[in-house]
Amino acid sequence: MNLLLQDTNKILDLALKTSSLAEMILLKNHPLPLIRRVLAKNKNLTQDIINSLLYDPVENVSYIASINPNNRNNARVFEDLRPCVICNEDERTRNCLTCKKNEEHSF
């Protein structure tokens, strides 16, 4: 399966719902942080996949992995998070350009 050639919305749906370890392994290394962030929300993740996402270089991904209900690794502590990091809007439909929280936050 070549995930890089699929439509982004299809990949987002797969990332959120897959229970296939092989697909999770491919998705945890996807070049788009958006895909990895949605994968971090997946309720079927194993601790090994969560551990990998916990140390993702993109804070949007690692924070979401830290709050996944399957996470048993509490080593990561996050402070002073930007609104974008803790946003719970559906990535498939949100529009960050019109977000009021962005207007109120000084980056």
N, C-alpha and C. Protein backbone atom coordinates (compact mmCIF):
# COMPACT_ATOMS: atom_id res chain seq x y z
N MET A 1 0.85 -1.17 0.00
CA MET A 1 0.00 0.00 0.00
C MET A 1 0.89 1.24 0.00
N ASN A 2 0.69 2.12 -0.99
CA ASN A 2 1.48 3.33 -1.03
C ASN A 2 0.64 4.49 -0.50
N LEU A 3 0.80 4.76 0.78
CA LEU A 3 0.01 5.80 1.44
C LEU A 3 0.31 7.19 0.91
N LEU A 4 1.51 7.39 0.39
CA LEU A 4 1.88 8.71 -0.09
C LEU A 4 1.10 9.12 -1.33
N LEU A 5 0.53 8.16 -2.05
CA LEU A 5 -0.20 8.46 -3.27
C LEU A 5 -1.70 8.62 -3.05
N GLN A 6 -2.18 8.34 -1.87
CA GLN A 6 -3.62 8.43 -1.59
C GLN A 6 -4.02 9.87 -1.27
N ASP A 7 -5.30 10.13 -1.44
CA ASP A 7 -5.89 11.42 -1.10
C ASP A 7 -5.70 11.69 0.41
N THR A 8 -5.36 12.91 0.77
CA THR A 8 -5.08 13.24 2.17
C THR A 8 -6.25 12.92 3.08
N ASN A 9 -7.48 13.19 2.65
CA ASN A 9 -8.64 12.89 3.50
C ASN A 9 -8.80 11.40 3.74
N LYS A 10 -8.48 10.59 2.75
CA LYS A 10 -8.54 9.14 2.93
C LYS A 10 -7.48 8.68 3.93
N ILE A 11 -6.31 9.29 3.84
CA ILE A 11 -5.23 8.94 4.78
C ILE A 11 -5.61 9.37 6.18
N LEU A 12 -6.23 10.55 6.33
CA LEU A 12 -6.67 11.02 7.65
C LEU A 12 -7.69 10.06 8.26
N ASP A 13 -8.64 9.61 7.46
CA ASP A 13 -9.63 8.65 7.95
C ASP A 13 -8.96 7.35 8.37
N LEU A 14 -8.02 6.88 7.56
CA LEU A 14 -7.29 5.65 7.88
C LEU A 14 -6.50 5.83 9.17
N ALA A 15 -5.82 6.95 9.31
CA ALA A 15 -5.00 7.21 10.50
C ALA A 15 -5.84 7.20 11.77
N LEU A 16 -7.04 7.71 11.68
CA LEU A 16 -7.91 7.79 12.85
C LEU A 16 -8.51 6.45 13.24
N LYS A 17 -8.72 5.56 12.25
CA LYS A 17 -9.50 4.35 12.52
C LYS A 17 -8.76 3.04 12.40
N THR A 18 -7.59 3.02 11.80
CA THR A 18 -6.93 1.74 11.52
C THR A 18 -6.62 0.96 12.79
N SER A 19 -6.70 -0.35 12.66
CA SER A 19 -6.26 -1.22 13.75
C SER A 19 -5.10 -2.10 13.27
N SER A 20 -4.64 -1.84 12.05
CA SER A 20 -3.54 -2.59 11.45
C SER A 20 -2.19 -2.03 11.92
N LEU A 21 -1.41 -2.87 12.56
CA LEU A 21 -0.09 -2.44 13.02
C LEU A 21 0.79 -2.01 11.85
N ALA A 22 0.71 -2.71 10.74
CA ALA A 22 1.51 -2.37 9.56
C ALA A 22 1.17 -0.96 9.07
N GLU A 23 -0.12 -0.62 9.04
CA GLU A 23 -0.53 0.73 8.62
C GLU A 23 -0.09 1.78 9.63
N MET A 24 -0.20 1.47 10.92
CA MET A 24 0.25 2.41 11.95
C MET A 24 1.74 2.71 11.81
N ILE A 25 2.52 1.68 11.53
CA ILE A 25 3.97 1.87 11.38
C ILE A 25 4.26 2.77 10.20
N LEU A 26 3.56 2.59 9.10
CA LEU A 26 3.75 3.48 7.94
C LEU A 26 3.31 4.91 8.26
N LEU A 27 2.17 5.04 8.91
CA LEU A 27 1.61 6.36 9.19
C LEU A 27 2.41 7.15 10.22
N LYS A 28 3.03 6.47 11.17
CA LYS A 28 3.80 7.20 12.20
C LYS A 28 5.02 7.90 11.61
N ASN A 29 5.41 7.49 10.41
CA ASN A 29 6.54 8.10 9.71
C ASN A 29 6.11 8.96 8.52
N HIS A 30 4.82 9.23 8.41
CA HIS A 30 4.31 10.02 7.29
C HIS A 30 4.94 11.41 7.32
N PRO A 31 5.28 11.98 6.16
CA PRO A 31 5.93 13.30 6.15
C PRO A 31 5.04 14.45 6.63
N LEU A 32 3.72 14.29 6.58
CA LEU A 32 2.83 15.37 7.02
C LEU A 32 2.52 15.25 8.52
N PRO A 33 2.86 16.27 9.31
CA PRO A 33 2.53 16.24 10.73
C PRO A 33 1.03 16.08 10.98
N LEU A 34 0.21 16.60 10.10
CA LEU A 34 -1.24 16.48 10.24
C LEU A 34 -1.66 15.01 10.29
N ILE A 35 -1.07 14.19 9.46
CA ILE A 35 -1.38 12.76 9.43
C ILE A 35 -0.93 12.11 10.73
N ARG A 36 0.27 12.45 11.19
CA ARG A 36 0.78 11.87 12.43
C ARG A 36 -0.05 12.31 13.63
N ARG A 37 -0.53 13.56 13.61
CA ARG A 37 -1.37 14.06 14.71
C ARG A 37 -2.68 13.27 14.78
N VAL A 38 -3.30 13.04 13.64
CA VAL A 38 -4.54 12.27 13.63
C VAL A 38 -4.27 10.84 14.07
N LEU A 39 -3.16 10.26 13.63
CA LEU A 39 -2.81 8.91 14.08
C LEU A 39 -2.67 8.88 15.60
N ALA A 40 -2.10 9.94 16.18
CA ALA A 40 -1.92 9.99 17.63
C ALA A 40 -3.25 9.95 18.38
N LYS A 41 -4.36 10.28 17.72
CA LYS A 41 -5.69 10.22 18.32
C LYS A 41 -6.32 8.84 18.23
N ASN A 42 -5.74 7.97 17.44
CA ASN A 42 -6.32 6.65 17.18
C ASN A 42 -6.40 5.84 18.47
N LYS A 43 -7.57 5.31 18.77
CA LYS A 43 -7.81 4.55 20.00
C LYS A 43 -7.24 3.13 19.95
N ASN A 44 -6.73 2.71 18.79
CA ASN A 44 -6.18 1.37 18.64
C ASN A 44 -4.65 1.33 18.73
N LEU A 45 -4.02 2.45 19.03
CA LEU A 45 -2.56 2.50 19.03
C LEU A 45 -1.95 1.60 20.10
N THR A 46 -0.83 1.00 19.74
CA THR A 46 -0.04 0.24 20.71
C THR A 46 0.87 1.21 21.44
N GLN A 47 1.39 0.79 22.57
CA GLN A 47 2.30 1.66 23.33
C GLN A 47 3.57 1.95 22.53
N ASP A 48 4.04 1.01 21.73
CA ASP A 48 5.24 1.26 20.92
C ASP A 48 5.02 2.39 19.91
N ILE A 49 3.87 2.41 19.28
CA ILE A 49 3.56 3.49 18.33
C ILE A 49 3.40 4.80 19.09
N ILE A 50 2.72 4.76 20.22
CA ILE A 50 2.56 5.97 21.04
C ILE A 50 3.92 6.50 21.47
N ASN A 51 4.81 5.62 21.90
CA ASN A 51 6.14 6.05 22.33
C ASN A 51 6.88 6.76 21.20
N SER A 52 6.74 6.26 20.00
CA SER A 52 7.37 6.91 18.86
C SER A 52 6.79 8.31 18.63
N LEU A 53 5.47 8.41 18.69
CA LEU A 53 4.81 9.70 18.48
C LEU A 53 5.04 10.67 19.64
N LEU A 54 5.27 10.16 20.83
CA LEU A 54 5.54 11.03 21.99
C LEU A 54 6.77 11.89 21.79
N TYR A 55 7.69 11.41 20.98
CA TYR A 55 8.93 12.15 20.76
C TYR A 55 9.03 12.66 19.32
N ASP A 56 7.87 12.82 18.70
CA ASP A 56 7.81 13.43 17.38
C ASP A 56 8.34 14.86 17.50
N PRO A 57 9.09 15.36 16.52
CA PRO A 57 9.62 16.72 16.61
C PRO A 57 8.55 17.82 16.56
N VAL A 58 7.33 17.46 16.17
CA VAL A 58 6.25 18.44 16.08
C VAL A 58 5.41 18.33 17.35
N GLU A 59 5.37 19.42 18.11
CA GLU A 59 4.65 19.41 19.39
C GLU A 59 3.17 19.07 19.23
N ASN A 60 2.57 19.48 18.11
CA ASN A 60 1.17 19.13 17.85
C ASN A 60 0.95 17.63 17.86
N VAL A 61 1.93 16.88 17.43
CA VAL A 61 1.83 15.43 17.38
C VAL A 61 2.15 14.83 18.74
N SER A 62 3.25 15.22 19.32
CA SER A 62 3.68 14.60 20.58
C SER A 62 2.70 14.87 21.72
N TYR A 63 2.12 16.05 21.78
CA TYR A 63 1.14 16.33 22.83
C TYR A 63 -0.09 15.43 22.70
N ILE A 64 -0.61 15.31 21.48
CA ILE A 64 -1.79 14.47 21.27
C ILE A 64 -1.47 13.02 21.63
N ALA A 65 -0.28 12.54 21.30
CA ALA A 65 0.11 11.18 21.69
C ALA A 65 0.13 11.04 23.20
N SER A 66 0.54 12.09 23.90
CA SER A 66 0.64 12.02 25.36
C SER A 66 -0.73 11.89 26.02
N ILE A 67 -1.78 12.36 25.37
CA ILE A 67 -3.12 12.28 25.96
C ILE A 67 -3.95 11.15 25.35
N ASN A 68 -3.35 10.32 24.52
CA ASN A 68 -4.06 9.15 23.97
C ASN A 68 -4.45 8.25 25.15
N PRO A 69 -5.67 7.76 25.19
CA PRO A 69 -6.10 6.94 26.34
C PRO A 69 -5.29 5.65 26.53
N ASN A 70 -4.60 5.19 25.51
CA ASN A 70 -3.78 3.98 25.62
C ASN A 70 -2.37 4.28 26.13
N ASN A 71 -2.02 5.54 26.28
CA ASN A 71 -0.66 5.90 26.70
C ASN A 71 -0.43 5.54 28.17
N ARG A 72 0.62 4.80 28.41
CA ARG A 72 1.02 4.46 29.79
C ARG A 72 2.37 5.07 30.14
N ASN A 73 2.92 5.84 29.21
CA ASN A 73 4.22 6.47 29.40
C ASN A 73 3.99 7.94 29.74
N ASN A 74 4.17 8.29 30.99
CA ASN A 74 3.93 9.67 31.42
C ASN A 74 5.21 10.48 31.55
N ALA A 75 6.22 10.11 30.78
CA ALA A 75 7.52 10.77 30.87
C ALA A 75 7.50 12.19 30.29
N ARG A 76 6.65 12.44 29.32
CA ARG A 76 6.61 13.77 28.69
C ARG A 76 5.69 14.69 29.47
N VAL A 77 6.19 15.88 29.76
CA VAL A 77 5.40 16.92 30.42
C VAL A 77 5.38 18.12 29.49
N PHE A 78 4.22 18.67 29.26
CA PHE A 78 4.07 19.80 28.35
C PHE A 78 3.59 21.01 29.14
N GLU A 79 4.22 22.14 28.89
CA GLU A 79 3.85 23.40 29.55
C GLU A 79 3.72 24.50 28.51
N ASP A 80 2.94 25.50 28.83
CA ASP A 80 2.77 26.68 27.98
C ASP A 80 2.46 26.32 26.53
N LEU A 81 1.46 25.48 26.35
CA LEU A 81 1.09 25.04 25.01
C LEU A 81 0.29 26.11 24.27
N ARG A 82 0.57 26.26 23.01
CA ARG A 82 -0.17 27.19 22.16
C ARG A 82 -1.56 26.62 21.88
N PRO A 83 -2.52 27.47 21.57
CA PRO A 83 -3.88 26.99 21.29
C PRO A 83 -3.92 25.97 20.15
N CYS A 84 -3.05 26.10 19.18
CA CYS A 84 -3.03 25.15 18.06
C CYS A 84 -2.67 23.74 18.52
N VAL A 85 -1.84 23.63 19.52
CA VAL A 85 -1.40 22.32 20.00
C VAL A 85 -2.54 21.61 20.71
N ILE A 86 -3.29 22.32 21.51
CA ILE A 86 -4.35 21.69 22.30
C ILE A 86 -5.71 21.73 21.60
N CYS A 87 -5.75 22.23 20.39
CA CYS A 87 -7.00 22.32 19.63
C CYS A 87 -7.62 20.94 19.46
N ASN A 88 -8.92 20.85 19.67
CA ASN A 88 -9.60 19.57 19.51
C ASN A 88 -10.55 19.55 18.31
N GLU A 89 -10.41 20.52 17.43
CA GLU A 89 -11.22 20.53 16.20
C GLU A 89 -10.78 19.37 15.30
N ASP A 90 -11.72 18.84 14.56
CA ASP A 90 -11.43 17.76 13.63
C ASP A 90 -10.51 18.27 12.52
N GLU A 91 -9.36 17.64 12.37
CA GLU A 91 -8.37 18.08 11.40
C GLU A 91 -8.88 18.04 9.97
N ARG A 92 -9.88 17.21 9.73
CA ARG A 92 -10.41 17.08 8.38
C ARG A 92 -11.29 18.25 7.98
N THR A 93 -11.77 19.02 8.96
CA THR A 93 -12.70 20.11 8.64
C THR A 93 -12.31 21.47 9.21
N ARG A 94 -11.31 21.54 10.05
CA ARG A 94 -10.99 22.82 10.69
C ARG A 94 -10.34 23.79 9.71
N ASN A 95 -10.46 25.07 10.03
CA ASN A 95 -9.84 26.12 9.24
C ASN A 95 -9.05 27.01 10.19
N CYS A 96 -7.78 26.81 10.26
CA CYS A 96 -6.93 27.54 11.21
C CYS A 96 -6.84 29.03 10.89
N LEU A 97 -7.05 29.40 9.64
CA LEU A 97 -6.93 30.80 9.25
C LEU A 97 -8.03 31.66 9.85
N THR A 98 -9.17 31.06 10.17
CA THR A 98 -10.29 31.82 10.73
C THR A 98 -10.48 31.54 12.22
N CYS A 99 -9.55 30.88 12.84
CA CYS A 99 -9.68 30.50 14.25
C CYS A 99 -9.54 31.72 15.16
N LYS A 100 -10.51 31.91 16.03
CA LYS A 100 -10.49 33.04 16.97
C LYS A 100 -9.37 32.88 18.00
N LYS A 101 -9.04 31.64 18.37
CA LYS A 101 -7.97 31.42 19.35
C LYS A 101 -6.62 31.89 18.82
N ASN A 102 -6.43 31.76 17.52
CA ASN A 102 -5.19 32.26 16.91
C ASN A 102 -5.12 33.77 16.99
N GLU A 103 -6.24 34.44 16.80
CA GLU A 103 -6.27 35.89 16.87
C GLU A 103 -5.95 36.39 18.28
N GLU A 104 -6.38 35.66 19.29
CA GLU A 104 -6.20 36.08 20.67
C GLU A 104 -4.82 35.74 21.23
N HIS A 105 -4.12 34.83 20.58
CA HIS A 105 -2.82 34.36 21.09
C HIS A 105 -1.68 35.10 20.41
N SER A 106 -0.68 35.49 21.18
CA SER A 106 0.48 36.13 20.56
C SER A 106 1.57 35.07 20.41
N PHE A 107 1.90 34.78 19.18
CA PHE A 107 2.89 33.76 18.88
C PHE A 107 4.22 34.39 19.00
